[in-house]
PDB file of N, CA and C in Angstrom:
ATOM      1  N   MET A   1      35.156   0.676   4.206  1.00  0.00           N
ATOM      2  CA  MET A   1      35.032   2.104   3.935  1.00  0.00           C
ATOM      3  C   MET A   1      34.006   2.366   2.827  1.00  0.00           C
ATOM      4  N   VAL A   2      33.973   1.507   1.826  1.00  0.00           N
ATOM      5  CA  VAL A   2      33.033   1.675   0.716  1.00  0.00           C
ATOM      6  C   VAL A   2      31.600   1.563   1.212  1.00  0.00           C
ATOM      7  N   ILE A   3      31.338   0.619   2.097  1.00  0.00           N
ATOM      8  CA  ILE A   3      29.990   0.446   2.644  1.00  0.00           C
ATOM      9  C   ILE A   3      29.585   1.678   3.453  1.00  0.00           C
ATOM     10  N   ILE A   4      30.506   2.222   4.229  1.00  0.00           N
ATOM     11  CA  ILE A   4      30.215   3.413   5.029  1.00  0.00           C
ATOM     12  C   ILE A   4      29.863   4.592   4.127  1.00  0.00           C
ATOM     13  N   ILE A   5      30.609   4.779   3.050  1.00  0.00           N
ATOM     14  CA  ILE A   5      30.306   5.851   2.098  1.00  0.00           C
ATOM     15  C   ILE A   5      28.921   5.631   1.490  1.00  0.00           C
ATOM     16  N   GLY A   6      28.613   4.400   1.134  1.00  0.00           N
ATOM     17  CA  GLY A   6      27.297   4.082   0.580  1.00  0.00           C
ATOM     18  C   GLY A   6      26.180   4.371   1.555  1.00  0.00           C
ATOM     19  N   ILE A   7      26.385   4.029   2.806  1.00  0.00           N
ATOM     20  CA  ILE A   7      25.369   4.279   3.836  1.00  0.00           C
ATOM     21  C   ILE A   7      25.168   5.781   4.038  1.00  0.00           C
ATOM     22  N   ILE A   8      26.257   6.522   4.129  1.00  0.00           N
ATOM     23  CA  ILE A   8      26.166   7.975   4.308  1.00  0.00           C
ATOM     24  C   ILE A   8      25.457   8.611   3.108  1.00  0.00           C
ATOM     25  N   ALA A   9      25.818   8.201   1.904  1.00  0.00           N
ATOM     26  CA  ALA A   9      25.177   8.732   0.699  1.00  0.00           C
ATOM     27  C   ALA A   9      23.689   8.393   0.701  1.00  0.00           C
ATOM     28  N   GLY A  10      23.355   7.175   1.058  1.00  0.00           N
ATOM     29  CA  GLY A  10      21.961   6.756   1.109  1.00  0.00           C
ATOM     30  C   GLY A  10      21.153   7.540   2.117  1.00  0.00           C
ATOM     31  N   VAL A  11      21.727   7.773   3.277  1.00  0.00           N
ATOM     32  CA  VAL A  11      21.030   8.546   4.312  1.00  0.00           C
ATOM     33  C   VAL A  11      20.794   9.978   3.824  1.00  0.00           C
ATOM     34  N   CYS A  12      21.804  10.582   3.235  1.00  0.00           N
ATOM     35  CA  CYS A  12      21.666  11.961   2.745  1.00  0.00           C
ATOM     36  C   CYS A  12      20.559  12.075   1.701  1.00  0.00           C
ATOM     37  N   THR A  13      20.564  11.189   0.724  1.00  0.00           N
ATOM     38  CA  THR A  13      19.549  11.272  -0.328  1.00  0.00           C
ATOM     39  C   THR A  13      18.170  10.869   0.201  1.00  0.00           C
ATOM     40  N   SER A  14      18.131   9.948   1.129  1.00  0.00           N
ATOM     41  CA  SER A  14      16.845   9.488   1.663  1.00  0.00           C
ATOM     42  C   SER A  14      16.140  10.563   2.470  1.00  0.00           C
ATOM     43  N   VAL A  15      16.875  11.303   3.243  1.00  0.00           N
ATOM     44  CA  VAL A  15      16.248  12.311   4.101  1.00  0.00           C
ATOM     45  C   VAL A  15      16.064  13.652   3.390  1.00  0.00           C
ATOM     46  N   SER A  16      16.513  13.769   2.161  1.00  0.00           N
ATOM     47  CA  SER A  16      16.448  15.053   1.460  1.00  0.00           C
ATOM     48  C   SER A  16      15.024  15.564   1.279  1.00  0.00           C
ATOM     49  N   MET A  17      14.048  14.697   1.150  1.00  0.00           N
ATOM     50  CA  MET A  17      12.659  15.120   0.955  1.00  0.00           C
ATOM     51  C   MET A  17      11.881  15.238   2.262  1.00  0.00           C
ATOM     52  N   VAL A  18      12.473  14.825   3.371  1.00  0.00           N
ATOM     53  CA  VAL A  18      11.773  14.874   4.658  1.00  0.00           C
ATOM     54  C   VAL A  18      11.403  16.307   5.055  1.00  0.00           C
ATOM     55  N   PRO A  19      12.294  17.296   4.916  1.00  0.00           N
ATOM     56  CA  PRO A  19      11.874  18.666   5.262  1.00  0.00           C
ATOM     57  C   PRO A  19      10.679  19.150   4.428  1.00  0.00           C
ATOM     58  N   GLN A  20      10.649  18.793   3.155  1.00  0.00           N
ATOM     59  CA  GLN A  20       9.519  19.159   2.300  1.00  0.00           C
ATOM     60  C   GLN A  20       8.236  18.493   2.784  1.00  0.00           C
ATOM     61  N   LEU A  21       8.336  17.221   3.143  1.00  0.00           N
ATOM     62  CA  LEU A  21       7.173  16.487   3.640  1.00  0.00           C
ATOM     63  C   LEU A  21       6.658  17.108   4.939  1.00  0.00           C
ATOM     64  N   ILE A  22       7.554  17.443   5.841  1.00  0.00           N
ATOM     65  CA  ILE A  22       7.162  18.068   7.111  1.00  0.00           C
ATOM     66  C   ILE A  22       6.458  19.400   6.850  1.00  0.00           C
ATOM     67  N   LYS A  23       7.001  20.197   5.939  1.00  0.00           N
ATOM     68  CA  LYS A  23       6.399  21.489   5.587  1.00  0.00           C
ATOM     69  C   LYS A  23       4.999  21.296   5.017  1.00  0.00           C
ATOM     70  N   VAL A  24       4.841  20.337   4.134  1.00  0.00           N
ATOM     71  CA  VAL A  24       3.529  20.074   3.520  1.00  0.00           C
ATOM     72  C   VAL A  24       2.530  19.613   4.578  1.00  0.00           C
ATOM     73  N   ILE A  25       2.946  18.740   5.458  1.00  0.00           N
ATOM     74  CA  ILE A  25       2.034  18.237   6.492  1.00  0.00           C
ATOM     75  C   ILE A  25       1.632  19.357   7.455  1.00  0.00           C
ATOM     76  N   ARG A  26       2.580  20.199   7.830  1.00  0.00           N
ATOM     77  CA  ARG A  26       2.276  21.296   8.757  1.00  0.00           C
ATOM     78  C   ARG A  26       1.361  22.340   8.133  1.00  0.00           C
ATOM     79  N   GLU A  27       1.690  22.744   6.894  1.00  0.00           N
ATOM     80  CA  GLU A  27       0.980  23.851   6.263  1.00  0.00           C
ATOM     81  C   GLU A  27      -0.197  23.404   5.389  1.00  0.00           C
ATOM     82  N   LYS A  28      -0.217  22.130   5.036  1.00  0.00           N
ATOM     83  CA  LYS A  28      -1.245  21.592   4.139  1.00  0.00           C
ATOM     84  C   LYS A  28      -1.317  22.391   2.832  1.00  0.00           C
ATOM     85  N   ASP A  29      -0.163  22.862   2.391  1.00  0.00           N
ATOM     86  CA  ASP A  29      -0.053  23.647   1.158  1.00  0.00           C
ATOM     87  C   ASP A  29       0.825  22.889   0.173  1.00  0.00           C
ATOM     88  N   VAL A  30       0.238  22.488  -0.940  1.00  0.00           N
ATOM     89  CA  VAL A  30       0.970  21.698  -1.940  1.00  0.00           C
ATOM     90  C   VAL A  30       1.060  22.407  -3.292  1.00  0.00           C
ATOM     91  N   GLU A  31       0.685  23.683  -3.317  1.00  0.00           N
ATOM     92  CA  GLU A  31       0.654  24.413  -4.586  1.00  0.00           C
ATOM     93  C   GLU A  31       2.017  24.479  -5.270  1.00  0.00           C
ATOM     94  N   SER A  32       3.085  24.490  -4.501  1.00  0.00           N
ATOM     95  CA  SER A  32       4.418  24.596  -5.105  1.00  0.00           C
ATOM     96  C   SER A  32       5.015  23.236  -5.480  1.00  0.00           C
ATOM     97  N   LEU A  33       4.310  22.158  -5.185  1.00  0.00           N
ATOM     98  CA  LEU A  33       4.820  20.825  -5.509  1.00  0.00           C
ATOM     99  C   LEU A  33       4.486  20.448  -6.947  1.00  0.00           C
ATOM    100  N   SER A  34       5.366  19.699  -7.563  1.00  0.00           N
ATOM    101  CA  SER A  34       5.115  19.148  -8.886  1.00  0.00           C
ATOM    102  C   SER A  34       4.846  17.653  -8.744  1.00  0.00           C
ATOM    103  N   PRO A  35       3.608  17.213  -8.978  1.00  0.00           N
ATOM    104  CA  PRO A  35       3.325  15.787  -8.860  1.00  0.00           C
ATOM    105  C   PRO A  35       4.083  14.965  -9.900  1.00  0.00           C
ATOM    106  N   VAL A  36       4.383  15.559 -11.043  1.00  0.00           N
ATOM    107  CA  VAL A  36       5.155  14.850 -12.071  1.00  0.00           C
ATOM    108  C   VAL A  36       6.576  14.592 -11.565  1.00  0.00           C
ATOM    109  N   MET A  37       7.192  15.603 -10.952  1.00  0.00           N
ATOM    110  CA  MET A  37       8.535  15.432 -10.398  1.00  0.00           C
ATOM    111  C   MET A  37       8.540  14.363  -9.310  1.00  0.00           C
ATOM    112  N   ILE A  38       7.543  14.393  -8.434  1.00  0.00           N
ATOM    113  CA  ILE A  38       7.462  13.401  -7.364  1.00  0.00           C
ATOM    114  C   ILE A  38       7.274  12.006  -7.960  1.00  0.00           C
ATOM    115  N   GLY A  39       6.436  11.897  -8.977  1.00  0.00           N
ATOM    116  CA  GLY A  39       6.211  10.607  -9.632  1.00  0.00           C
ATOM    117  C   GLY A  39       7.462  10.050 -10.282  1.00  0.00           C
ATOM    118  N   ILE A  40       8.211  10.915 -10.962  1.00  0.00           N
ATOM    119  CA  ILE A  40       9.460  10.478 -11.597  1.00  0.00           C
ATOM    120  C   ILE A  40      10.472  10.067 -10.540  1.00  0.00           C
ATOM    121  N   LEU A  41      10.589  10.862  -9.480  1.00  0.00           N
ATOM    122  CA  LEU A  41      11.499  10.522  -8.385  1.00  0.00           C
ATOM    123  C   LEU A  41      11.089   9.208  -7.732  1.00  0.00           C
ATOM    124  N   LEU A  42       9.799   9.018  -7.537  1.00  0.00           N
ATOM    125  CA  LEU A  42       9.282   7.785  -6.948  1.00  0.00           C
ATOM    126  C   LEU A  42       9.625   6.577  -7.821  1.00  0.00           C
ATOM    127  N   ALA A  43       9.459   6.714  -9.115  1.00  0.00           N
ATOM    128  CA  ALA A  43       9.817   5.621 -10.032  1.00  0.00           C
ATOM    129  C   ALA A  43      11.315   5.325  -9.948  1.00  0.00           C
ATOM    130  N   GLY A  44      12.124   6.380  -9.891  1.00  0.00           N
ATOM    131  CA  GLY A  44      13.574   6.195  -9.812  1.00  0.00           C
ATOM    132  C   GLY A  44      14.018   5.476  -8.548  1.00  0.00           C
ATOM    133  N   VAL A  45      13.511   5.910  -7.402  1.00  0.00           N
ATOM    134  CA  VAL A  45      13.933   5.265  -6.154  1.00  0.00           C
ATOM    135  C   VAL A  45      13.371   3.851  -6.045  1.00  0.00           C
ATOM    136  N   ALA A  46      12.182   3.618  -6.621  1.00  0.00           N
ATOM    137  CA  ALA A  46      11.644   2.258  -6.635  1.00  0.00           C
ATOM    138  C   ALA A  46      12.534   1.338  -7.477  1.00  0.00           C
ATOM    139  N   LEU A  47      13.010   1.851  -8.590  1.00  0.00           N
ATOM    140  CA  LEU A  47      13.928   1.055  -9.417  1.00  0.00           C
ATOM    141  C   LEU A  47      15.253   0.801  -8.698  1.00  0.00           C
ATOM    142  N   TRP A  48      15.708   1.784  -7.901  1.00  0.00           N
ATOM    143  CA  TRP A  48      16.908   1.560  -7.099  1.00  0.00           C
ATOM    144  C   TRP A  48      16.689   0.438  -6.082  1.00  0.00           C
ATOM    145  N   VAL A  49      15.487   0.366  -5.519  1.00  0.00           N
ATOM    146  CA  VAL A  49      15.172  -0.727  -4.594  1.00  0.00           C
ATOM    147  C   VAL A  49      15.275  -2.065  -5.318  1.00  0.00           C
ATOM    148  N   VAL A  50      14.686  -2.141  -6.498  1.00  0.00           N
ATOM    149  CA  VAL A  50      14.756  -3.378  -7.291  1.00  0.00           C
ATOM    150  C   VAL A  50      16.211  -3.723  -7.598  1.00  0.00           C
ATOM    151  N   TYR A  51      16.982  -2.727  -8.014  1.00  0.00           N
ATOM    152  CA  TYR A  51      18.401  -2.934  -8.297  1.00  0.00           C
ATOM    153  C   TYR A  51      19.127  -3.446  -7.043  1.00  0.00           C
ATOM    154  N   GLY A  52      18.852  -2.822  -5.908  1.00  0.00           N
ATOM    155  CA  GLY A  52      19.484  -3.243  -4.658  1.00  0.00           C
ATOM    156  C   GLY A  52      19.135  -4.671  -4.288  1.00  0.00           C
ATOM    157  N   ILE A  53      17.893  -5.055  -4.545  1.00  0.00           N
ATOM    158  CA  ILE A  53      17.478  -6.436  -4.269  1.00  0.00           C
ATOM    159  C   ILE A  53      18.239  -7.398  -5.180  1.00  0.00           C
ATOM    160  N   ILE A  54      18.305  -7.066  -6.462  1.00  0.00           N
ATOM    161  CA  ILE A  54      19.034  -7.920  -7.413  1.00  0.00           C
ATOM    162  C   ILE A  54      20.497  -8.059  -7.015  1.00  0.00           C
ATOM    163  N   MET A  55      21.105  -6.953  -6.614  1.00  0.00           N
ATOM    164  CA  MET A  55      22.526  -6.947  -6.259  1.00  0.00           C
ATOM    165  C   MET A  55      22.770  -7.358  -4.800  1.00  0.00           C
ATOM    166  N   GLU A  56      21.689  -7.523  -4.034  1.00  0.00           N
ATOM    167  CA  GLU A  56      21.771  -7.854  -2.609  1.00  0.00           C
ATOM    168  C   GLU A  56      22.602  -6.835  -1.833  1.00  0.00           C
ATOM    169  N   GLU A  57      22.314  -5.574  -2.083  1.00  0.00           N
ATOM    170  CA  GLU A  57      23.016  -4.456  -1.438  1.00  0.00           C
ATOM    171  C   GLU A  57      22.063  -3.755  -0.468  1.00  0.00           C
ATOM    172  N   TRP A  58      22.194  -4.074   0.812  1.00  0.00           N
ATOM    173  CA  TRP A  58      21.281  -3.544   1.817  1.00  0.00           C
ATOM    174  C   TRP A  58      21.304  -2.030   1.946  1.00  0.00           C
ATOM    175  N   PRO A  59      22.452  -1.361   1.843  1.00  0.00           N
ATOM    176  CA  PRO A  59      22.401   0.113   1.913  1.00  0.00           C
ATOM    177  C   PRO A  59      21.527   0.717   0.806  1.00  0.00           C
ATOM    178  N   ILE A  60      21.592   0.164  -0.385  1.00  0.00           N
ATOM    179  CA  ILE A  60      20.772   0.655  -1.495  1.00  0.00           C
ATOM    180  C   ILE A  60      19.305   0.337  -1.243  1.00  0.00           C
ATOM    181  N   ILE A  61      19.024  -0.865  -0.811  1.00  0.00           N
ATOM    182  CA  ILE A  61      17.641  -1.285  -0.575  1.00  0.00           C
ATOM    183  C   ILE A  61      16.996  -0.424   0.511  1.00  0.00           C
ATOM    184  N   LEU A  62      17.631  -0.327   1.656  1.00  0.00           N
ATOM    185  CA  LEU A  62      17.026   0.360   2.796  1.00  0.00           C
ATOM    186  C   LEU A  62      16.872   1.858   2.579  1.00  0.00           C
ATOM    187  N   SER A  63      17.915   2.503   2.064  1.00  0.00           N
ATOM    188  CA  SER A  63      17.827   3.953   1.886  1.00  0.00           C
ATOM    189  C   SER A  63      16.785   4.313   0.839  1.00  0.00           C
ATOM    190  N   ASN A  64      16.711   3.563  -0.230  1.00  0.00           N
ATOM    191  CA  ASN A  64      15.740   3.877  -1.276  1.00  0.00           C
ATOM    192  C   ASN A  64      14.335   3.432  -0.901  1.00  0.00           C
ATOM    193  N   ALA A  65      14.192   2.388  -0.115  1.00  0.00           N
ATOM    194  CA  ALA A  65      12.868   1.998   0.376  1.00  0.00           C
ATOM    195  C   ALA A  65      12.301   3.104   1.268  1.00  0.00           C
ATOM    196  N   PHE A  66      13.143   3.704   2.083  1.00  0.00           N
ATOM    197  CA  PHE A  66      12.717   4.843   2.895  1.00  0.00           C
ATOM    198  C   PHE A  66      12.279   5.995   1.994  1.00  0.00           C
ATOM    199  N   SER A  67      13.048   6.252   0.940  1.00  0.00           N
ATOM    200  CA  SER A  67      12.689   7.308  -0.011  1.00  0.00           C
ATOM    201  C   SER A  67      11.360   7.020  -0.695  1.00  0.00           C
ATOM    202  N   VAL A  68      11.112   5.758  -1.016  1.00  0.00           N
ATOM    203  CA  VAL A  68       9.829   5.380  -1.609  1.00  0.00           C
ATOM    204  C   VAL A  68       8.696   5.757  -0.653  1.00  0.00           C
ATOM    205  N   LEU A  69       8.837   5.436   0.617  1.00  0.00           N
ATOM    206  CA  LEU A  69       7.790   5.750   1.599  1.00  0.00           C
ATOM    207  C   LEU A  69       7.569   7.256   1.734  1.00  0.00           C
ATOM    208  N   VAL A  70       8.661   8.011   1.792  1.00  0.00           N
ATOM    209  CA  VAL A  70       8.548   9.463   1.916  1.00  0.00           C
ATOM    210  C   VAL A  70       7.851  10.045   0.692  1.00  0.00           C
ATOM    211  N   ASN A  71       8.237   9.594  -0.494  1.00  0.00           N
ATOM    212  CA  ASN A  71       7.661  10.153  -1.712  1.00  0.00           C
ATOM    213  C   ASN A  71       6.226   9.700  -1.941  1.00  0.00           C
ATOM    214  N   ILE A  72       5.879   8.487  -1.543  1.00  0.00           N
ATOM    215  CA  ILE A  72       4.479   8.061  -1.607  1.00  0.00           C
ATOM    216  C   ILE A  72       3.636   8.932  -0.672  1.00  0.00           C
ATOM    217  N   THR A  73       4.155   9.199   0.510  1.00  0.00           N
ATOM    218  CA  THR A  73       3.447  10.050   1.464  1.00  0.00           C
ATOM    219  C   THR A  73       3.291  11.462   0.914  1.00  0.00           C
ATOM    220  N   LEU A  74       4.340  11.991   0.310  1.00  0.00           N
ATOM    221  CA  LEU A  74       4.289  13.331  -0.264  1.00  0.00           C
ATOM    222  C   LEU A  74       3.285  13.398  -1.419  1.00  0.00           C
ATOM    223  N   LEU A  75       3.277  12.393  -2.267  1.00  0.00           N
ATOM    224  CA  LEU A  75       2.333  12.353  -3.383  1.00  0.00           C
ATOM    225  C   LEU A  75       0.892  12.213  -2.872  1.00  0.00           C
ATOM    226  N   THR A  76       0.700  11.417  -1.825  1.00  0.00           N
ATOM    227  CA  THR A  76      -0.620  11.282  -1.213  1.00  0.00           C
ATOM    228  C   THR A  76      -1.084  12.619  -0.647  1.00  0.00           C
ATOM    229  N   CYS A  77      -0.190  13.313   0.026  1.00  0.00           N
ATOM    230  CA  CYS A  77      -0.523  14.637   0.561  1.00  0.00           C
ATOM    231  C   CYS A  77      -0.898  15.593  -0.567  1.00  0.00           C
ATOM    232  N   TYR A  78      -0.200  15.508  -1.684  1.00  0.00           N
ATOM    233  CA  TYR A  78      -0.511  16.369  -2.818  1.00  0.00           C
ATOM    234  C   TYR A  78      -1.980  16.179  -3.227  1.00  0.00           C
ATOM    235  N   PHE A  79      -2.404  14.948  -3.374  1.00  0.00           N
ATOM    236  CA  PHE A  79      -3.775  14.686  -3.817  1.00  0.00           C
ATOM    237  C   PHE A  79      -4.805  15.003  -2.716  1.00  0.00           C
ATOM    238  N   LEU A  80      -4.418  14.859  -1.458  1.00  0.00           N
ATOM    239  CA  LEU A  80      -5.333  15.181  -0.365  1.00  0.00           C
ATOM    240  C   LEU A  80      -5.512  16.689  -0.179  1.00  0.00           C
ATOM    241  N   TYR A  81      -4.437  17.449  -0.329  1.00  0.00           N
ATOM    242  CA  TYR A  81      -4.446  18.880   0.011  1.00  0.00           C
ATOM    243  C   TYR A  81      -4.581  19.810  -1.184  1.00  0.00           C
ATOM    244  N   ARG A  82      -4.496  19.329  -2.404  1.00  0.00           N
ATOM    245  CA  ARG A  82      -4.555  20.243  -3.560  1.00  0.00           C
ATOM    246  C   ARG A  82      -5.925  20.932  -3.595  1.00  0.00           C
ATOM    247  N   GLY A  83      -5.872  22.190  -3.989  1.00  0.00           N
ATOM    248  CA  GLY A  83      -7.097  22.968  -4.084  1.00  0.00           C
ATOM    249  C   GLY A  83      -7.622  23.510  -2.773  1.00  0.00           C
ATOM    250  N   ARG A  84      -6.905  23.303  -1.676  1.00  0.00           N
ATOM    251  CA  ARG A  84      -7.373  23.767  -0.363  1.00  0.00           C
ATOM    252  C   ARG A  84      -7.039  25.227  -0.089  1.00  0.00           C
ATOM    253  N   THR A  85      -6.055  25.758  -0.808  1.00  0.00           N
ATOM    254  CA  THR A  85      -5.645  27.132  -0.478  1.00  0.00           C
ATOM    255  C   THR A  85      -6.342  28.150  -1.338  1.00  0.00           C
TER     256      THR A  85
END
């Protein structure tokens, strides 16, 4: 049961930025994004990946690795699309 709760929590937090990423990709508008917030979040989820590796906890590793990819993509979009509007 504990693993299931961890997986559900990981999925919820991992997909939380996906709607924002989809909106940014569709509209190519990043004016409302904070690159500092994305950077801090990226550092946090990357550290969770490291923690998960140390603890050998796959739900932590996989969910946060997905978050790292989403946030790297979002930060990349920020630098690609800023100043376009």
